[in-house]
Amino acid sequence: MDRGQAGRLREDLPLNAAEQIDQLIAGLGDWRGDTLAKVRKCFIGTDPEIVEEWKWMGSPAWTRDGLIAVGDAHKAKVKVTFAYGASLPDPDGVFNGKDNGKTRRSIDIFEGDTVNADALETLIRAAISYNLDNLKKNAGKRARKDTDKAS
């Protein structure tokens, strides 16, 4: 198979999540793309086990032992919604969204706002800990890790 054939075959394959997120960011072409790229960098740079996913017909999502957060570009903001944000400590007061339910919390980033990478990474680490400690599917994993540490 020559290079041209390989390229055509690749074009026929569906994009993986990272490629879809790359396309979303590039397609925004304005401050929202830059902002979403900074947010994304925080997620994938915080923990090597974080997985990028493409969910709900076009939203980047970051998971590790459960959903951490979803990012969405709206007309006037980039919204980062943490799945269990209501249960996370937020010492830097980063959560500023209007969601006041019992589960989710969000960060609304508007044009001209700065992404507070340190505070966002703190929330990401707290979300990972929450997932490991509180999601039923991880109960056995966490118990095994604690036993391994004690040995």
C-alpha atoms as a PDB file:
ATOM      1  CA  MET A   1       0.000   0.000   0.000  1.00  0.00           C
ATOM      2  CA  ASP A   2       1.447   3.384  -0.952  1.00  0.00           C
ATOM      3  CA  ARG A   3       1.287   6.513   1.184  1.00  0.00           C
ATOM      4  CA  GLY A   4      -1.659   7.899  -0.764  1.00  0.00           C
ATOM      5  CA  GLN A   5      -3.726   4.800  -0.062  1.00  0.00           C
ATOM      6  CA  ALA A   6      -2.821   4.876   3.630  1.00  0.00           C
ATOM      7  CA  GLY A   7      -3.849   8.528   3.847  1.00  0.00           C
ATOM      8  CA  ARG A   8      -7.180   7.841   2.207  1.00  0.00           C
ATOM      9  CA  LEU A   9      -7.835   4.917   4.531  1.00  0.00           C
ATOM     10  CA  ARG A  10      -7.081   7.095   7.557  1.00  0.00           C
ATOM     11  CA  GLU A  11      -9.514   9.729   6.328  1.00  0.00           C
ATOM     12  CA  ASP A  12     -12.262   7.092   6.327  1.00  0.00           C
ATOM     13  CA  LEU A  13     -11.708   6.208   9.996  1.00  0.00           C
ATOM     14  CA  PRO A  14     -13.628   8.072  12.682  1.00  0.00           C
ATOM     15  CA  LEU A  15     -11.620  10.605  14.662  1.00  0.00           C
ATOM     16  CA  ASN A  16     -10.578   9.693  18.176  1.00  0.00           C
ATOM     17  CA  ALA A  17     -11.553  11.961  21.074  1.00  0.00           C
ATOM     18  CA  ALA A  18      -8.292  13.931  21.090  1.00  0.00           C
ATOM     19  CA  GLU A  19      -8.613  14.612  17.356  1.00  0.00           C
ATOM     20  CA  GLN A  20     -12.227  15.712  17.768  1.00  0.00           C
ATOM     21  CA  ILE A  21     -11.231  18.084  20.567  1.00  0.00           C
ATOM     22  CA  ASP A  22      -8.372  19.419  18.401  1.00  0.00           C
ATOM     23  CA  GLN A  23     -10.886  20.112  15.622  1.00  0.00           C
ATOM     24  CA  LEU A  24     -13.327  21.798  18.002  1.00  0.00           C
ATOM     25  CA  ILE A  25     -10.631  24.109  19.355  1.00  0.00           C
ATOM     26  CA  ALA A  26      -9.322  24.966  15.877  1.00  0.00           C
ATOM     27  CA  GLY A  27     -12.846  25.475  14.555  1.00  0.00           C
ATOM     28  CA  LEU A  28     -13.740  28.001  17.230  1.00  0.00           C
ATOM     29  CA  GLY A  29     -11.047  30.319  15.892  1.00  0.00           C
ATOM     30  CA  ASP A  30     -11.402  32.915  18.636  1.00  0.00           C
ATOM     31  CA  TRP A  31     -10.699  33.445  22.324  1.00  0.00           C
ATOM     32  CA  ARG A  32     -12.953  30.494  23.213  1.00  0.00           C
ATOM     33  CA  GLY A  33     -10.637  28.093  21.377  1.00  0.00           C
ATOM     34  CA  ASP A  34      -7.601  29.504  23.169  1.00  0.00           C
ATOM     35  CA  THR A  35      -9.404  29.282  26.508  1.00  0.00           C
ATOM     36  CA  LEU A  36     -10.600  25.727  25.932  1.00  0.00           C
ATOM     37  CA  ALA A  37      -7.042  24.762  24.932  1.00  0.00           C
ATOM     38  CA  LYS A  38      -5.716  26.173  28.238  1.00  0.00           C
ATOM     39  CA  VAL A  39      -8.389  24.321  30.203  1.00  0.00           C
ATOM     40  CA  ARG A  40      -7.600  21.118  28.321  1.00  0.00           C
ATOM     41  CA  LYS A  41      -3.879  21.515  29.061  1.00  0.00           C
ATOM     42  CA  CYS A  42      -4.678  21.703  32.777  1.00  0.00           C
ATOM     43  CA  PHE A  43      -6.650  18.467  32.660  1.00  0.00           C
ATOM     44  CA  ILE A  44      -4.195  16.394  30.665  1.00  0.00           C
ATOM     45  CA  GLY A  45      -1.219  17.876  32.502  1.00  0.00           C
ATOM     46  CA  THR A  46      -2.525  17.248  36.014  1.00  0.00           C
ATOM     47  CA  ASP A  47      -2.590  13.469  35.927  1.00  0.00           C
ATOM     48  CA  PRO A  48      -1.284  11.070  33.256  1.00  0.00           C
ATOM     49  CA  GLU A  49      -4.220   8.706  33.865  1.00  0.00           C
ATOM     50  CA  ILE A  50      -6.838  11.268  32.820  1.00  0.00           C
ATOM     51  CA  VAL A  51      -8.621  10.169  29.667  1.00  0.00           C
ATOM     52  CA  GLU A  52     -10.082  12.574  27.129  1.00  0.00           C
ATOM     53  CA  GLU A  53     -13.462  11.602  25.749  1.00  0.00           C
ATOM     54  CA  TRP A  54     -15.934  13.060  23.262  1.00  0.00           C
ATOM     55  CA  LYS A  55     -19.412  12.997  24.766  1.00  0.00           C
ATOM     56  CA  TRP A  56     -22.934  14.184  24.257  1.00  0.00           C
ATOM     57  CA  MET A  57     -22.687  14.987  20.559  1.00  0.00           C
ATOM     58  CA  GLY A  58     -19.755  17.333  20.773  1.00  0.00           C
ATOM     59  CA  SER A  59     -18.365  18.040  24.220  1.00  0.00           C
ATOM     60  CA  PRO A  60     -14.855  17.325  25.439  1.00  0.00           C
ATOM     61  CA  ALA A  61     -14.909  15.378  28.680  1.00  0.00           C
ATOM     62  CA  TRP A  62     -12.139  14.329  31.016  1.00  0.00           C
ATOM     63  CA  THR A  63     -12.373  11.167  33.079  1.00  0.00           C
ATOM     64  CA  ARG A  64     -10.345   9.222  35.572  1.00  0.00           C
ATOM     65  CA  ASP A  65     -12.096   6.437  37.428  1.00  0.00           C
ATOM     66  CA  GLY A  66     -15.308   8.282  36.540  1.00  0.00           C
ATOM     67  CA  LEU A  67     -16.301  11.579  34.985  1.00  0.00           C
ATOM     68  CA  ILE A  68     -14.336  14.585  36.200  1.00  0.00           C
ATOM     69  CA  ALA A  69     -15.632  17.401  34.010  1.00  0.00           C
ATOM     70  CA  VAL A  70     -17.074  18.457  30.666  1.00  0.00           C
ATOM     71  CA  GLY A  71     -16.029  21.534  28.707  1.00  0.00           C
ATOM     72  CA  ASP A  72     -18.342  23.488  26.425  1.00  0.00           C
ATOM     73  CA  ALA A  73     -17.849  26.584  24.325  1.00  0.00           C
ATOM     74  CA  HIS A  74     -20.941  28.789  24.391  1.00  0.00           C
ATOM     75  CA  LYS A  75     -21.452  32.075  22.521  1.00  0.00           C
ATOM     76  CA  ALA A  76     -20.108  34.265  25.292  1.00  0.00           C
ATOM     77  CA  LYS A  77     -18.218  31.866  27.566  1.00  0.00           C
ATOM     78  CA  VAL A  78     -16.394  28.606  28.028  1.00  0.00           C
ATOM     79  CA  LYS A  79     -18.106  26.495  30.679  1.00  0.00           C
ATOM     80  CA  VAL A  80     -16.314  23.747  32.590  1.00  0.00           C
ATOM     81  CA  THR A  81     -18.762  21.636  34.573  1.00  0.00           C
ATOM     82  CA  PHE A  82     -17.430  19.307  37.255  1.00  0.00           C
ATOM     83  CA  ALA A  83     -19.590  16.212  37.636  1.00  0.00           C
ATOM     84  CA  TYR A  84     -19.345  16.151  41.439  1.00  0.00           C
ATOM     85  CA  GLY A  85     -18.292  19.748  41.970  1.00  0.00           C
ATOM     86  CA  ALA A  86     -20.725  20.328  44.836  1.00  0.00           C
ATOM     87  CA  SER A  87     -18.718  17.785  46.840  1.00  0.00           C
ATOM     88  CA  LEU A  88     -15.321  19.329  46.128  1.00  0.00           C
ATOM     89  CA  PRO A  89     -13.451  21.858  48.233  1.00  0.00           C
ATOM     90  CA  ASP A  90     -12.979  25.130  46.334  1.00  0.00           C
ATOM     91  CA  PRO A  91     -10.516  27.134  48.452  1.00  0.00           C
ATOM     92  CA  ASP A  92      -9.763  29.531  45.587  1.00  0.00           C
ATOM     93  CA  GLY A  93     -13.430  30.228  44.817  1.00  0.00           C
ATOM     94  CA  VAL A  94     -13.111  29.111  41.204  1.00  0.00           C
ATOM     95  CA  PHE A  95     -16.672  27.814  40.853  1.00  0.00           C
ATOM     96  CA  ASN A  96     -18.690  30.772  39.629  1.00  0.00           C
ATOM     97  CA  GLY A  97     -21.454  29.155  37.560  1.00  0.00           C
ATOM     98  CA  LYS A  98     -25.110  29.493  38.412  1.00  0.00           C
ATOM     99  CA  ASP A  99     -25.672  25.774  39.012  1.00  0.00           C
ATOM    100  CA  ASN A 100     -26.644  25.351  42.648  1.00  0.00           C
ATOM    101  CA  GLY A 101     -27.873  21.761  42.646  1.00  0.00           C
ATOM    102  CA  LYS A 102     -26.657  18.980  44.875  1.00  0.00           C
ATOM    103  CA  THR A 103     -24.140  17.539  42.429  1.00  0.00           C
ATOM    104  CA  ARG A 104     -22.543  19.709  39.748  1.00  0.00           C
ATOM    105  CA  ARG A 105     -20.603  22.952  39.900  1.00  0.00           C
ATOM    106  CA  SER A 106     -19.182  24.925  37.009  1.00  0.00           C
ATOM    107  CA  ILE A 107     -16.652  27.529  36.056  1.00  0.00           C
ATOM    108  CA  ASP A 108     -17.727  30.166  33.537  1.00  0.00           C
ATOM    109  CA  ILE A 109     -14.797  31.753  31.731  1.00  0.00           C
ATOM    110  CA  PHE A 110     -15.565  34.890  29.756  1.00  0.00           C
ATOM    111  CA  GLU A 111     -13.543  36.767  27.158  1.00  0.00           C
ATOM    112  CA  GLY A 112     -10.685  38.548  28.894  1.00  0.00           C
ATOM    113  CA  ASP A 113     -10.724  36.223  31.928  1.00  0.00           C
ATOM    114  CA  THR A 114      -7.545  34.418  32.862  1.00  0.00           C
ATOM    115  CA  VAL A 115      -7.571  30.663  33.434  1.00  0.00           C
ATOM    116  CA  ASN A 116      -6.268  30.125  36.968  1.00  0.00           C
ATOM    117  CA  ALA A 117      -4.313  26.966  36.142  1.00  0.00           C
ATOM    118  CA  ASP A 118      -3.155  26.291  39.708  1.00  0.00           C
ATOM    119  CA  ALA A 119      -6.676  26.532  41.146  1.00  0.00           C
ATOM    120  CA  LEU A 120      -8.119  24.460  38.292  1.00  0.00           C
ATOM    121  CA  GLU A 121      -5.499  21.752  38.805  1.00  0.00           C
ATOM    122  CA  THR A 122      -6.330  21.711  42.533  1.00  0.00           C
ATOM    123  CA  LEU A 123      -9.989  21.085  41.656  1.00  0.00           C
ATOM    124  CA  ILE A 124      -9.004  18.374  39.179  1.00  0.00           C
ATOM    125  CA  ARG A 125      -6.957  16.546  41.816  1.00  0.00           C
ATOM    126  CA  ALA A 126      -9.842  16.867  44.295  1.00  0.00           C
ATOM    127  CA  ALA A 127     -12.241  15.442  41.680  1.00  0.00           C
ATOM    128  CA  ILE A 128      -9.959  12.464  41.097  1.00  0.00           C
ATOM    129  CA  SER A 129      -9.808  11.802  44.840  1.00  0.00           C
ATOM    130  CA  TYR A 130     -13.571  12.121  45.043  1.00  0.00           C
ATOM    131  CA  ASN A 131     -14.049   9.593  42.247  1.00  0.00           C
ATOM    132  CA  LEU A 132     -11.654   7.129  43.853  1.00  0.00           C
ATOM    133  CA  ASP A 133     -13.192   7.468  47.310  1.00  0.00           C
ATOM    134  CA  ASN A 134     -16.892   7.794  46.533  1.00  0.00           C
ATOM    135  CA  LEU A 135     -17.881   6.126  43.297  1.00  0.00           C
ATOM    136  CA  LYS A 136     -19.065   2.582  43.948  1.00  0.00           C
ATOM    137  CA  LYS A 137     -17.245   1.192  40.924  1.00  0.00           C
ATOM    138  CA  ASN A 138     -13.918   2.206  42.496  1.00  0.00           C
ATOM    139  CA  ALA A 139     -14.483   0.841  46.012  1.00  0.00           C
ATOM    140  CA  GLY A 140     -12.594  -2.392  45.337  1.00  0.00           C
ATOM    141  CA  LYS A 141      -9.719  -0.600  43.599  1.00  0.00           C
ATOM    142  CA  ARG A 142      -9.245   1.852  46.465  1.00  0.00           C
ATOM    143  CA  ALA A 143      -9.294  -0.929  49.080  1.00  0.00           C
ATOM    144  CA  ARG A 144      -6.635  -2.843  47.126  1.00  0.00           C
ATOM    145  CA  LYS A 145      -4.430   0.273  46.838  1.00  0.00           C
ATOM    146  CA  ASP A 146      -4.748   0.952  50.580  1.00  0.00           C
ATOM    147  CA  THR A 147      -3.814  -2.684  51.337  1.00  0.00           C
ATOM    148  CA  ASP A 148      -0.821  -2.480  48.992  1.00  0.00           C
ATOM    149  CA  LYS A 149       0.412   0.701  50.721  1.00  0.00           C
ATOM    150  CA  ALA A 150       0.149  -0.945  54.161  1.00  0.00           C
ATOM    151  CA  SER A 151       2.249  -3.931  53.070  1.00  0.00           C
END
